[in-house]
Amino acid sequence: MATMNLRRAVRALVLDEADRVLLCRHVVRETGTVVWAAPGGRIERDETPLAALRRELREEVGLVVESAPPHVWHQEVVGPDYVAGYDGVVNDYFLVRTAGFTPRGALTDEELAAENIHGLRWWHPADIVTHRGRDLFSPRDLATPLAALISSGAPREPLPLGL
């Protein structure tokens, strides 16, 4: 049996004092599909998950994280069409609480677009629940685990997520 080539990544559930979550607007080049996802990205070779999380947050949204945030969710999605060049993805999500801010990372708009990021937005959980547009969320049922996280806090062990 062949070894799966999975893209390993970290994501930050950045929540402000009003429990709004900061999401990046990703546009899939091949299909034009819009997916709202937590900021984050691939763990580079010889990089720890925490170092990757800090780097990605600084680059994408301009947030500096000094502490080690709790690891709250673990997602594994396998499929040839989920991440180009990979058999699937492993995302580890960390909870980052912060005061609201205007996101502006170290990357230029062109550099963000090269990573398929075309905007950032704070979402109130109720707006995610009632959203009826064509845009998708990652995970697809983001509202349910997000509501549980907000009401119950960080779990003792990361909770498994599907697509």
C-alpha atoms as a PDB file:
ATOM      1  CA  MET A   1       0.000   0.000   0.000  1.00  0.00           C
ATOM      2  CA  ALA A   2       1.369   3.430  -0.977  1.00  0.00           C
ATOM      3  CA  THR A   3       2.024   6.090   1.631  1.00  0.00           C
ATOM      4  CA  MET A   4      -0.470   8.953   1.547  1.00  0.00           C
ATOM      5  CA  ASN A   5       0.925  12.381   0.734  1.00  0.00           C
ATOM      6  CA  LEU A   6      -1.004  14.610   3.174  1.00  0.00           C
ATOM      7  CA  ARG A   7      -0.500  18.359   3.491  1.00  0.00           C
ATOM      8  CA  ARG A   8       0.052  19.160   7.169  1.00  0.00           C
ATOM      9  CA  ALA A   9      -1.213  22.549   8.249  1.00  0.00           C
ATOM     10  CA  VAL A  10      -2.161  24.652  11.251  1.00  0.00           C
ATOM     11  CA  ARG A  11      -5.137  26.981  11.560  1.00  0.00           C
ATOM     12  CA  ALA A  12      -6.089  29.588  14.147  1.00  0.00           C
ATOM     13  CA  LEU A  13      -9.612  30.121  15.390  1.00  0.00           C
ATOM     14  CA  VAL A  14      -9.112  33.807  16.132  1.00  0.00           C
ATOM     15  CA  LEU A  15     -11.985  34.951  18.349  1.00  0.00           C
ATOM     16  CA  ASP A  16     -12.474  38.519  19.548  1.00  0.00           C
ATOM     17  CA  GLU A  17     -14.246  39.762  22.676  1.00  0.00           C
ATOM     18  CA  ALA A  18     -17.628  39.587  20.841  1.00  0.00           C
ATOM     19  CA  ASP A  19     -16.959  35.940  19.864  1.00  0.00           C
ATOM     20  CA  ARG A  20     -16.557  36.880  16.221  1.00  0.00           C
ATOM     21  CA  VAL A  21     -14.224  34.590  14.280  1.00  0.00           C
ATOM     22  CA  LEU A  22     -11.729  35.906  11.745  1.00  0.00           C
ATOM     23  CA  LEU A  23     -11.851  34.012   8.438  1.00  0.00           C
ATOM     24  CA  CYS A  24      -9.892  34.232   5.190  1.00  0.00           C
ATOM     25  CA  ARG A  25     -11.730  34.242   1.875  1.00  0.00           C
ATOM     26  CA  HIS A  26     -10.096  31.595  -0.329  1.00  0.00           C
ATOM     27  CA  VAL A  27     -10.957  31.394  -4.012  1.00  0.00           C
ATOM     28  CA  VAL A  28     -10.243  28.041  -5.642  1.00  0.00           C
ATOM     29  CA  ARG A  29      -8.488  28.899  -8.924  1.00  0.00           C
ATOM     30  CA  GLU A  30      -9.820  25.971 -10.924  1.00  0.00           C
ATOM     31  CA  THR A  31     -13.497  26.329 -10.000  1.00  0.00           C
ATOM     32  CA  GLY A  32     -13.954  29.840  -8.631  1.00  0.00           C
ATOM     33  CA  THR A  33     -15.479  28.327  -5.484  1.00  0.00           C
ATOM     34  CA  VAL A  34     -15.196  30.567  -2.426  1.00  0.00           C
ATOM     35  CA  VAL A  35     -14.302  28.930   0.889  1.00  0.00           C
ATOM     36  CA  TRP A  36     -14.077  30.860   4.168  1.00  0.00           C
ATOM     37  CA  ALA A  37     -11.418  29.266   6.379  1.00  0.00           C
ATOM     38  CA  ALA A  38      -9.460  30.064   9.504  1.00  0.00           C
ATOM     39  CA  PRO A  39      -6.105  31.732   8.890  1.00  0.00           C
ATOM     40  CA  GLY A  40      -3.164  29.383   8.728  1.00  0.00           C
ATOM     41  CA  GLY A  41      -1.294  27.168   6.369  1.00  0.00           C
ATOM     42  CA  ARG A  42       1.304  24.525   5.711  1.00  0.00           C
ATOM     43  CA  ILE A  43       3.863  23.510   8.301  1.00  0.00           C
ATOM     44  CA  GLU A  44       7.261  23.963   6.648  1.00  0.00           C
ATOM     45  CA  ARG A  45       9.995  21.335   6.870  1.00  0.00           C
ATOM     46  CA  ASP A  46      11.744  21.457  10.274  1.00  0.00           C
ATOM     47  CA  GLU A  47       9.073  23.845  11.634  1.00  0.00           C
ATOM     48  CA  THR A  48       7.006  23.068  14.730  1.00  0.00           C
ATOM     49  CA  PRO A  49       3.217  23.491  14.562  1.00  0.00           C
ATOM     50  CA  LEU A  50       3.411  26.433  16.998  1.00  0.00           C
ATOM     51  CA  ALA A  51       6.134  28.154  14.952  1.00  0.00           C
ATOM     52  CA  ALA A  52       4.042  27.639  11.795  1.00  0.00           C
ATOM     53  CA  LEU A  53       0.951  29.050  13.507  1.00  0.00           C
ATOM     54  CA  ARG A  54       2.840  32.151  14.657  1.00  0.00           C
ATOM     55  CA  ARG A  55       4.341  32.674  11.184  1.00  0.00           C
ATOM     56  CA  GLU A  56       1.043  32.228   9.358  1.00  0.00           C
ATOM     57  CA  LEU A  57      -0.839  34.605  11.671  1.00  0.00           C
ATOM     58  CA  ARG A  58       1.844  37.282  11.309  1.00  0.00           C
ATOM     59  CA  GLU A  59       1.914  36.879   7.502  1.00  0.00           C
ATOM     60  CA  GLU A  60      -1.824  36.636   6.801  1.00  0.00           C
ATOM     61  CA  VAL A  61      -3.551  38.780   9.427  1.00  0.00           C
ATOM     62  CA  GLY A  62      -0.844  40.691  11.322  1.00  0.00           C
ATOM     63  CA  LEU A  63      -1.438  39.042  14.689  1.00  0.00           C
ATOM     64  CA  VAL A  64       1.509  38.280  16.973  1.00  0.00           C
ATOM     65  CA  VAL A  65       0.930  35.302  19.268  1.00  0.00           C
ATOM     66  CA  GLU A  66       3.330  34.985  22.209  1.00  0.00           C
ATOM     67  CA  SER A  67       1.644  32.184  24.158  1.00  0.00           C
ATOM     68  CA  ALA A  68       0.968  28.583  23.193  1.00  0.00           C
ATOM     69  CA  PRO A  69      -2.768  28.550  22.401  1.00  0.00           C
ATOM     70  CA  PRO A  70      -4.829  25.436  23.112  1.00  0.00           C
ATOM     71  CA  HIS A  71      -5.103  22.793  20.379  1.00  0.00           C
ATOM     72  CA  VAL A  72      -8.878  22.402  19.988  1.00  0.00           C
ATOM     73  CA  TRP A  73      -9.666  20.569  16.718  1.00  0.00           C
ATOM     74  CA  HIS A  74      -8.012  18.005  14.448  1.00  0.00           C
ATOM     75  CA  GLN A  75      -9.196  17.515  10.870  1.00  0.00           C
ATOM     76  CA  GLU A  76      -8.121  14.910   8.327  1.00  0.00           C
ATOM     77  CA  VAL A  77      -9.624  15.024   4.864  1.00  0.00           C
ATOM     78  CA  VAL A  78      -8.493  12.587   2.187  1.00  0.00           C
ATOM     79  CA  GLY A  79      -9.373  13.052  -1.448  1.00  0.00           C
ATOM     80  CA  PRO A  80      -7.564  13.910  -4.679  1.00  0.00           C
ATOM     81  CA  ASP A  81      -9.474  17.142  -5.267  1.00  0.00           C
ATOM     82  CA  TYR A  82      -9.176  18.662  -1.801  1.00  0.00           C
ATOM     83  CA  VAL A  83      -5.616  20.037  -2.006  1.00  0.00           C
ATOM     84  CA  ALA A  84      -3.808  20.236  -5.344  1.00  0.00           C
ATOM     85  CA  GLY A  85      -0.743  18.003  -5.412  1.00  0.00           C
ATOM     86  CA  TYR A  86      -1.713  16.087  -2.260  1.00  0.00           C
ATOM     87  CA  ASP A  87      -3.860  13.096  -1.329  1.00  0.00           C
ATOM     88  CA  GLY A  88      -5.519  15.182   1.371  1.00  0.00           C
ATOM     89  CA  VAL A  89      -4.893  17.485   4.291  1.00  0.00           C
ATOM     90  CA  VAL A  90      -4.376  17.363   8.038  1.00  0.00           C
ATOM     91  CA  ASN A  91      -5.400  20.606   9.775  1.00  0.00           C
ATOM     92  CA  ASP A  92      -4.748  21.237  13.454  1.00  0.00           C
ATOM     93  CA  TYR A  93      -6.764  24.144  14.864  1.00  0.00           C
ATOM     94  CA  PHE A  94      -5.703  26.318  17.794  1.00  0.00           C
ATOM     95  CA  LEU A  95      -7.867  28.775  19.751  1.00  0.00           C
ATOM     96  CA  VAL A  96      -6.513  32.340  19.834  1.00  0.00           C
ATOM     97  CA  ARG A  97      -8.464  34.894  21.881  1.00  0.00           C
ATOM     98  CA  THR A  98      -7.719  38.545  21.154  1.00  0.00           C
ATOM     99  CA  ALA A  99      -9.250  41.999  21.126  1.00  0.00           C
ATOM    100  CA  GLY A 100     -10.824  42.901  17.801  1.00  0.00           C
ATOM    101  CA  PHE A 101      -8.421  44.451  15.297  1.00  0.00           C
ATOM    102  CA  THR A 102      -8.242  45.392  11.639  1.00  0.00           C
ATOM    103  CA  PRO A 103      -6.416  42.474  10.012  1.00  0.00           C
ATOM    104  CA  ARG A 104      -3.413  43.368   7.863  1.00  0.00           C
ATOM    105  CA  GLY A 105      -0.605  40.884   7.621  1.00  0.00           C
ATOM    106  CA  ALA A 106       2.966  41.165   6.433  1.00  0.00           C
ATOM    107  CA  LEU A 107       2.087  39.747   3.006  1.00  0.00           C
ATOM    108  CA  THR A 108       1.031  42.092   0.211  1.00  0.00           C
ATOM    109  CA  ASP A 109      -2.345  41.690  -1.479  1.00  0.00           C
ATOM    110  CA  GLU A 110      -0.540  40.081  -4.422  1.00  0.00           C
ATOM    111  CA  GLU A 111       1.246  37.598  -2.145  1.00  0.00           C
ATOM    112  CA  LEU A 112      -2.049  36.755  -0.421  1.00  0.00           C
ATOM    113  CA  ALA A 113      -3.728  36.271  -3.811  1.00  0.00           C
ATOM    114  CA  ALA A 114      -0.914  33.887  -4.801  1.00  0.00           C
ATOM    115  CA  GLU A 115      -2.021  31.829  -1.778  1.00  0.00           C
ATOM    116  CA  ASN A 116      -5.656  32.088  -2.982  1.00  0.00           C
ATOM    117  CA  ILE A 117      -6.606  34.526  -0.190  1.00  0.00           C
ATOM    118  CA  HIS A 118      -8.830  37.318  -1.442  1.00  0.00           C
ATOM    119  CA  GLY A 119     -10.015  39.066   1.691  1.00  0.00           C
ATOM    120  CA  LEU A 120     -10.486  38.738   5.423  1.00  0.00           C
ATOM    121  CA  ARG A 121     -13.643  39.150   7.458  1.00  0.00           C
ATOM    122  CA  TRP A 122     -14.843  38.905  11.025  1.00  0.00           C
ATOM    123  CA  TRP A 123     -17.901  36.638  11.182  1.00  0.00           C
ATOM    124  CA  HIS A 124     -20.385  36.475  14.028  1.00  0.00           C
ATOM    125  CA  PRO A 125     -21.402  32.822  14.570  1.00  0.00           C
ATOM    126  CA  ALA A 126     -25.073  33.669  13.872  1.00  0.00           C
ATOM    127  CA  ASP A 127     -24.079  35.045  10.446  1.00  0.00           C
ATOM    128  CA  ILE A 128     -22.382  31.742   9.620  1.00  0.00           C
ATOM    129  CA  VAL A 129     -25.511  29.809  10.627  1.00  0.00           C
ATOM    130  CA  THR A 130     -27.820  31.975   8.526  1.00  0.00           C
ATOM    131  CA  HIS A 131     -25.505  32.354   5.514  1.00  0.00           C
ATOM    132  CA  ARG A 132     -27.366  31.232   2.383  1.00  0.00           C
ATOM    133  CA  GLY A 133     -24.949  32.251  -0.349  1.00  0.00           C
ATOM    134  CA  ARG A 134     -22.857  29.957  -2.537  1.00  0.00           C
ATOM    135  CA  ASP A 135     -19.746  30.443  -0.413  1.00  0.00           C
ATOM    136  CA  LEU A 136     -18.625  27.461   1.667  1.00  0.00           C
ATOM    137  CA  PHE A 137     -16.988  27.248   5.086  1.00  0.00           C
ATOM    138  CA  SER A 138     -14.152  25.019   6.221  1.00  0.00           C
ATOM    139  CA  PRO A 139     -15.091  22.849   7.929  1.00  0.00           C
ATOM    140  CA  ARG A 140     -18.454  22.830   6.104  1.00  0.00           C
ATOM    141  CA  ASP A 141     -20.389  22.771   9.391  1.00  0.00           C
ATOM    142  CA  LEU A 142     -18.136  25.377  11.045  1.00  0.00           C
ATOM    143  CA  ALA A 143     -21.034  26.852  13.026  1.00  0.00           C
ATOM    144  CA  THR A 144     -21.653  23.721  15.129  1.00  0.00           C
ATOM    145  CA  PRO A 145     -18.159  23.070  16.546  1.00  0.00           C
ATOM    146  CA  LEU A 146     -17.582  26.838  16.810  1.00  0.00           C
ATOM    147  CA  ALA A 147     -20.714  27.271  18.967  1.00  0.00           C
ATOM    148  CA  ALA A 148     -19.588  24.397  21.202  1.00  0.00           C
ATOM    149  CA  LEU A 149     -16.117  25.912  21.520  1.00  0.00           C
ATOM    150  CA  ILE A 150     -17.526  29.312  22.469  1.00  0.00           C
ATOM    151  CA  SER A 151     -19.998  27.907  25.008  1.00  0.00           C
ATOM    152  CA  SER A 152     -17.798  25.198  26.579  1.00  0.00           C
ATOM    153  CA  GLY A 153     -14.255  26.457  26.028  1.00  0.00           C
ATOM    154  CA  ALA A 154     -11.262  24.476  24.855  1.00  0.00           C
ATOM    155  CA  PRO A 155     -11.666  20.692  25.105  1.00  0.00           C
ATOM    156  CA  ARG A 156      -9.119  18.571  27.008  1.00  0.00           C
ATOM    157  CA  GLU A 157      -8.185  16.785  23.783  1.00  0.00           C
ATOM    158  CA  PRO A 158      -8.556  18.102  20.210  1.00  0.00           C
ATOM    159  CA  LEU A 159     -11.954  17.177  18.774  1.00  0.00           C
ATOM    160  CA  PRO A 160     -11.964  15.352  15.412  1.00  0.00           C
ATOM    161  CA  LEU A 161     -13.587  17.153  12.482  1.00  0.00           C
ATOM    162  CA  GLY A 162     -14.681  15.957   9.062  1.00  0.00           C
ATOM    163  CA  LEU A 163     -14.801  17.957   5.848  1.00  0.00           C
END
